[in-house]
């Protein structure tokens, strides 16, 4: 009797498995076609000679990639993306963690502060770009106030490169204009970092902090020795998510500055859009897209691999 019950359970479990698979199959097919299939198609086009309105799928090898890495604009894009990513991630982590620690001190009106800092996340990057384009416009917005003190920064129209040196076809250094874009991006995404760190802080038992204080640790040492190490997984998650955003950024920069004078605010996303849909250089645009995918994969794949190892 017991054996018959176990057999029925096994059959029922197998039937449930097949039911789950049947529900998953349409999603799997759609992902294979519209995600991995299109990635494969983009990679195929990037190796072709299709740089006119008329499709030309003859094999070009790595010609399009070699052209890009020798191109002044694409070299400038990589430089801008590097500095934008470093500044963006750094400030989002510092401000988000700092604000989370302040709010975690049981402040009165905590919910008000939380909503104020989270509000920018409700906006799209397009809206953020338009707003900050006006605020940092050299002839309007914030500059009207600064001009009263004789200060007139050019913000995103500045073509200067800080600490620059010759690298390939470009001057490698921090473009001053990219700082304005960083300000806008940090303003929008700090709320996300704040929410992540605040959740992490609320998940740390108060007993651990009290034990450290009883051992004679100062409040600074409590955070440095106890709290911050426990927030490391949160920090890694913020880094990965912000890196993903920064490496494929398009809408904020397109709405706020465009490619900028001398390409000081240009990024691969903007270059890909203009190359593909305005210049009709489809193979070159596909090559830019594949390079962007690889840049994102450099951050995402190791993180997913380590997470998978940790789960095992």
Protein backbone atom coordinates (compact mmCIF):
# COMPACT_ATOMS: atom_id res chain seq x y z
CA UNK A 1 0.00 0.00 0.00
CA UNK A 2 2.85 2.35 0.93
CA UNK A 3 4.68 1.47 -2.29
CA UNK A 4 1.59 2.35 -4.37
CA UNK A 5 1.32 5.71 -2.60
CA UNK A 6 4.99 6.51 -3.32
CA UNK A 7 4.54 5.49 -6.96
CA UNK A 8 1.52 7.79 -7.32
CA UNK A 9 3.46 10.66 -5.75
CA UNK A 10 6.33 10.11 -8.18
CA UNK A 11 3.92 10.10 -11.12
CA UNK A 12 2.17 13.21 -9.84
CA UNK A 13 5.52 14.95 -9.32
CA UNK A 14 6.60 14.05 -12.84
CA UNK A 15 3.33 15.38 -14.20
CA UNK A 16 3.85 18.64 -12.28
CA UNK A 17 7.32 18.92 -13.75
CA UNK A 18 6.00 18.52 -17.27
CA UNK A 19 3.32 21.12 -16.56
CA UNK A 20 5.96 23.59 -15.39
CA UNK A 21 8.09 22.90 -18.47
CA UNK A 22 5.06 23.40 -20.74
CA UNK A 23 4.49 26.84 -19.19
CA UNK A 24 8.18 27.75 -19.55
CA UNK A 25 8.64 26.63 -23.15
CA UNK A 26 6.99 29.72 -24.78
CA UNK A 27 9.15 32.06 -22.70
CA UNK A 28 12.27 30.05 -23.49
CA UNK A 29 11.51 30.16 -27.21
CA UNK A 30 10.88 33.91 -27.13
CA UNK A 31 14.13 34.54 -25.21
CA UNK A 32 16.11 32.34 -27.61
CA UNK A 33 14.68 34.18 -30.63
CA UNK A 34 14.38 37.78 -29.49
CA UNK A 35 17.41 37.95 -27.17
CA UNK A 36 20.07 35.43 -28.14
CA UNK A 37 18.92 35.18 -31.73
CA UNK A 38 19.18 38.95 -32.21
CA UNK A 39 22.54 39.02 -30.44
CA UNK A 40 23.77 36.38 -32.86
CA UNK A 41 22.32 38.32 -35.80
CA UNK A 42 24.01 41.53 -34.62
CA UNK A 43 27.32 39.69 -34.34
CA UNK A 44 26.87 38.31 -37.86
CA UNK A 45 26.09 41.77 -39.28
CA UNK A 46 29.14 43.23 -37.51
CA UNK A 47 31.34 40.87 -39.54
CA UNK A 48 29.77 41.87 -42.86
CA UNK A 49 30.14 44.73 -45.36
CA UNK A 50 26.61 46.09 -44.81
CA UNK A 51 27.41 49.80 -44.59
CA UNK A 52 24.85 51.10 -47.09
CA UNK A 53 21.07 51.03 -47.43
CA UNK A 54 21.45 47.93 -49.62
CA UNK A 55 22.20 44.83 -47.47
CA UNK A 56 25.61 43.30 -48.14
CA UNK A 57 26.32 40.22 -46.04
CA UNK A 58 29.67 39.39 -47.63
CA UNK A 59 32.23 38.48 -44.97
CA UNK A 60 34.43 41.40 -43.85
CA UNK A 61 36.19 39.76 -40.93
CA UNK A 62 37.23 42.16 -38.20
CA UNK A 63 37.41 45.15 -40.54
CA UNK A 64 34.63 47.05 -38.78
CA UNK A 65 36.18 46.49 -35.35
CA UNK A 66 39.62 47.58 -36.52
CA UNK A 67 38.09 50.71 -38.03
CA UNK A 68 36.35 51.57 -34.75
CA UNK A 69 39.42 51.17 -32.55
CA UNK A 70 41.34 53.44 -34.91
CA UNK A 71 38.50 55.97 -35.06
CA UNK A 72 38.94 59.25 -33.14
CA UNK A 73 35.30 59.37 -32.07
CA UNK A 74 35.18 55.81 -30.77
CA UNK A 75 38.42 56.28 -28.83
CA UNK A 76 36.88 59.40 -27.28
CA UNK A 77 33.74 57.37 -26.47
CA UNK A 78 35.77 54.75 -24.59
CA UNK A 79 37.59 57.48 -22.66
CA UNK A 80 34.33 59.22 -21.75
CA UNK A 81 32.69 55.95 -20.72
CA UNK A 82 35.64 55.05 -18.49
CA UNK A 83 35.60 58.32 -16.55
CA UNK A 84 31.81 58.51 -16.46
CA UNK A 85 31.63 54.98 -15.03
CA UNK A 86 34.28 55.61 -12.35
CA UNK A 87 32.77 58.91 -11.17
CA UNK A 88 29.18 57.72 -11.44
CA UNK A 89 29.69 54.52 -9.44
CA UNK A 90 31.93 56.22 -6.88
CA UNK A 91 29.53 59.07 -6.07
CA UNK A 92 26.43 56.84 -6.11
CA UNK A 93 28.04 54.52 -3.55
CA UNK A 94 29.39 57.28 -1.31
CA UNK A 95 26.24 59.40 -1.32
CA UNK A 96 23.87 56.46 -1.11
CA UNK A 97 25.73 54.90 1.81
CA UNK A 98 26.12 58.24 3.60
CA UNK A 99 22.45 59.14 3.28
CA UNK A 100 21.39 55.64 4.34
CA UNK A 101 23.53 55.87 7.49
CA UNK A 102 22.01 59.26 8.32
CA UNK A 103 18.44 58.07 7.79
CA UNK A 104 19.18 54.94 9.84
CA UNK A 105 19.72 57.14 12.91
CA UNK A 106 15.94 57.09 13.54
CA UNK A 107 15.45 60.67 12.29
CA UNK A 108 12.08 62.33 12.65
CA UNK A 109 10.31 62.54 9.32
CA UNK A 110 12.34 59.64 7.96
CA UNK A 111 9.66 58.71 5.44
CA UNK A 112 9.70 62.27 4.05
CA UNK A 113 13.46 62.19 3.50
CA UNK A 114 13.23 58.72 2.00
CA UNK A 115 10.58 59.82 -0.50
CA UNK A 116 12.53 62.95 -1.43
CA UNK A 117 15.65 60.94 -2.24
CA UNK A 118 13.73 58.22 -4.07
CA UNK A 119 11.65 60.64 -6.16
CA UNK A 120 14.23 61.09 -8.97
CA UNK A 121 14.03 57.35 -9.68
CA UNK A 122 10.42 57.86 -10.77
CA UNK A 123 11.68 59.94 -13.71
CA UNK A 124 13.11 58.61 -16.94
CA UNK A 125 16.62 59.50 -18.02
CA UNK A 126 15.10 61.52 -20.87
CA UNK A 127 13.28 63.79 -18.41
CA UNK A 128 16.38 64.03 -16.22
CA UNK A 129 18.48 64.96 -19.24
CA UNK A 130 16.11 67.73 -20.34
CA UNK A 131 15.85 69.19 -16.83
CA UNK A 132 19.59 69.19 -16.17
CA UNK A 133 20.28 70.45 -19.68
CA UNK A 134 18.36 73.58 -18.73
CA UNK A 135 19.76 73.84 -15.18
CA UNK A 136 23.37 73.63 -16.38
CA UNK A 137 22.93 75.61 -19.58
CA UNK A 138 25.73 78.23 -19.66
CA UNK A 139 23.23 81.03 -20.36
CA UNK A 140 20.28 79.98 -18.16
CA UNK A 141 19.43 78.04 -15.05
CA UNK A 142 21.99 77.71 -12.29
CA UNK A 143 24.54 79.86 -14.13
CA UNK A 144 22.37 82.95 -13.73
CA UNK A 145 22.88 82.64 -9.98
CA UNK A 146 26.62 81.92 -10.28
CA UNK A 147 27.15 84.87 -12.62
CA UNK A 148 26.27 87.18 -9.70
CA UNK A 149 29.57 86.07 -8.12
CA UNK A 150 31.55 86.30 -11.34
CA UNK A 151 31.53 82.51 -11.87
CA UNK A 152 30.44 81.32 -15.29
CA UNK A 153 31.28 77.62 -15.81
CA UNK A 154 30.66 76.15 -19.23
CA UNK A 155 29.48 72.81 -17.84
CA UNK A 156 28.72 70.39 -20.69
CA UNK A 157 29.98 72.79 -23.39
CA UNK A 158 33.52 72.81 -21.96
CA UNK A 159 36.02 71.04 -24.24
CA UNK A 160 38.95 70.99 -21.79
CA UNK A 161 40.55 67.69 -20.75
CA UNK A 162 42.00 67.53 -17.23
CA UNK A 163 45.43 65.89 -16.82
CA UNK A 164 45.37 64.91 -20.46
CA UNK A 165 48.08 63.15 -22.45
CA UNK A 166 48.24 61.80 -25.97
CA UNK A 167 46.74 58.34 -26.35
CA UNK A 168 46.11 57.07 -29.84
CA UNK A 169 44.24 59.76 -31.75
CA UNK A 170 42.83 61.50 -28.66
CA UNK A 171 43.86 63.35 -25.54
CA UNK A 172 43.33 60.94 -22.66
CA UNK A 173 42.14 62.52 -19.42
CA UNK A 174 38.99 63.62 -17.61
CA UNK A 175 36.70 65.63 -19.90
CA UNK A 176 35.34 68.55 -17.88
CA UNK A 177 32.02 68.33 -19.73
CA UNK A 178 31.40 64.77 -18.55
CA UNK A 179 31.19 66.03 -14.95
CA UNK A 180 27.86 67.72 -15.75
CA UNK A 181 26.46 64.41 -17.03
CA UNK A 182 27.75 62.63 -13.91
CA UNK A 183 25.91 65.16 -11.71
CA UNK A 184 22.62 64.44 -13.47
CA UNK A 185 23.09 60.65 -13.40
CA UNK A 186 24.11 60.62 -9.73
CA UNK A 187 21.11 62.79 -8.84
CA UNK A 188 18.77 60.23 -10.39
CA UNK A 189 20.34 56.97 -9.19
CA UNK A 190 21.51 57.84 -5.65
CA UNK A 191 18.01 57.01 -4.40
CA UNK A 192 18.43 53.43 -5.61
CA UNK A 193 21.74 53.10 -3.78
CA UNK A 194 20.17 54.67 -0.69
CA UNK A 195 17.33 52.13 -0.70
CA UNK A 196 19.75 49.22 -1.07
CA UNK A 197 22.02 50.36 1.75
CA UNK A 198 19.12 51.26 4.03
CA UNK A 199 17.68 47.77 3.60
CA UNK A 200 21.11 46.35 4.36
CA UNK A 201 21.50 48.47 7.49
CA UNK A 202 18.06 47.49 8.75
CA UNK A 203 19.02 43.84 8.26
CA UNK A 204 22.04 44.06 10.61
CA UNK A 205 21.05 42.95 14.14
CA UNK A 206 21.42 45.67 16.78
CA UNK A 207 23.02 43.06 19.05
CA UNK A 208 26.16 43.05 16.89
CA UNK A 209 26.59 46.80 17.20
CA UNK A 210 25.92 46.73 20.94
CA UNK A 211 28.45 43.94 21.41
CA UNK A 212 31.08 45.99 19.58
CA UNK A 213 30.30 49.04 21.73
CA UNK A 214 30.57 46.98 24.91
CA UNK A 215 34.03 45.84 23.76
CA UNK A 216 35.07 49.49 23.70
CA UNK A 217 34.67 50.23 19.99
CA UNK A 218 33.87 53.82 19.06
CA UNK A 219 30.93 54.57 16.77
CA UNK A 220 33.34 55.04 13.86
CA UNK A 221 34.96 51.66 14.59
CA UNK A 222 31.53 50.02 14.82
CA UNK A 223 30.76 51.12 11.28
CA UNK A 224 34.26 50.40 9.95
CA UNK A 225 34.71 47.00 11.57
CA UNK A 226 31.16 45.67 11.79
CA UNK A 227 28.64 47.50 9.61
CA UNK A 228 30.58 48.24 6.42
CA UNK A 229 31.99 44.69 6.00
CA UNK A 230 28.44 43.34 6.29
CA UNK A 231 27.32 45.78 3.60
CA UNK A 232 29.89 44.44 1.12
CA UNK A 233 27.35 42.28 -0.79
CA UNK A 234 25.13 45.37 -1.14
CA UNK A 235 28.09 47.37 -2.43
CA UNK A 236 28.90 44.69 -5.01
CA UNK A 237 25.28 44.65 -6.20
CA UNK A 238 25.24 48.46 -6.52
CA UNK A 239 28.53 48.40 -8.46
CA UNK A 240 27.24 45.79 -10.92
CA UNK A 241 23.89 47.52 -11.50
CA UNK A 242 25.42 51.00 -11.85
CA UNK A 243 28.16 49.68 -14.15
CA UNK A 244 25.49 48.09 -16.33
CA UNK A 245 23.66 51.42 -16.53
CA UNK A 246 26.76 53.51 -17.20
CA UNK A 247 28.24 51.28 -19.89
CA UNK A 248 25.07 51.30 -21.99
CA UNK A 249 23.94 54.85 -21.18
CA UNK A 250 22.22 56.57 -24.08
CA UNK A 251 19.01 58.46 -23.27
CA UNK A 252 20.43 60.77 -20.58
CA UNK A 253 23.32 61.94 -22.72
CA UNK A 254 21.29 62.10 -25.92
CA UNK A 255 18.71 64.37 -24.25
CA UNK A 256 21.17 66.43 -22.24
CA UNK A 257 24.28 67.03 -24.35
CA UNK A 258 24.37 64.85 -27.43
CA UNK A 259 27.85 63.95 -28.58
CA UNK A 260 29.18 67.33 -27.45
CA UNK A 261 31.82 69.57 -28.98
CA UNK A 262 34.83 67.50 -30.02
CA UNK A 263 32.90 64.44 -28.70
CA UNK A 264 33.68 65.29 -25.06
CA UNK A 265 30.34 63.85 -23.87
CA UNK A 266 29.86 61.21 -26.56
CA UNK A 267 29.39 57.55 -25.58
CA UNK A 268 29.14 54.30 -27.59
CA UNK A 269 25.33 54.25 -27.30
CA UNK A 270 24.97 57.64 -28.99
CA UNK A 271 27.60 56.74 -31.60
CA UNK A 272 25.82 53.46 -32.37
CA UNK A 273 22.46 55.21 -32.81
CA UNK A 274 23.83 57.88 -35.14
CA UNK A 275 25.99 55.43 -37.07
CA UNK A 276 23.21 52.92 -37.64
CA UNK A 277 20.05 54.98 -38.06
CA UNK A 278 21.43 58.24 -39.42
CA UNK A 279 24.51 57.17 -41.31
CA UNK A 280 23.16 53.77 -42.44
CA UNK A 281 26.47 52.11 -41.53
CA UNK A 282 24.78 48.99 -40.21
CA UNK A 283 27.88 46.82 -39.88
CA UNK A 284 29.76 49.50 -37.96
CA UNK A 285 26.74 50.08 -35.72
CA UNK A 286 26.45 46.34 -35.06
CA UNK A 287 30.16 46.23 -34.15
CA UNK A 288 29.63 49.03 -31.60
CA UNK A 289 26.69 47.11 -30.14
CA UNK A 290 28.78 43.95 -29.74
CA UNK A 291 31.58 45.90 -28.05
CA UNK A 292 29.04 47.42 -25.63
CA UNK A 293 27.73 43.92 -24.90
CA UNK A 294 31.24 42.68 -24.14
CA UNK A 295 31.93 45.65 -21.87
CA UNK A 296 28.79 44.90 -19.86
CA UNK A 297 29.67 41.18 -19.79
CA UNK A 298 33.04 42.00 -18.21
CA UNK A 299 31.14 43.14 -15.10
CA UNK A 300 28.08 40.90 -15.18
CA UNK A 301 29.55 37.47 -15.97
CA UNK A 302 32.12 37.31 -13.11
CA UNK A 303 29.44 38.54 -10.68
CA UNK A 304 26.94 35.89 -11.79
CA UNK A 305 29.66 33.22 -11.70
CA UNK A 306 30.67 34.11 -8.14
CA UNK A 307 27.02 34.26 -7.07
CA UNK A 308 26.42 30.81 -8.50
CA UNK A 309 29.48 29.42 -6.71
CA UNK A 310 28.30 31.01 -3.48
CA UNK A 311 24.87 29.39 -3.81
CA UNK A 312 26.50 25.99 -4.28
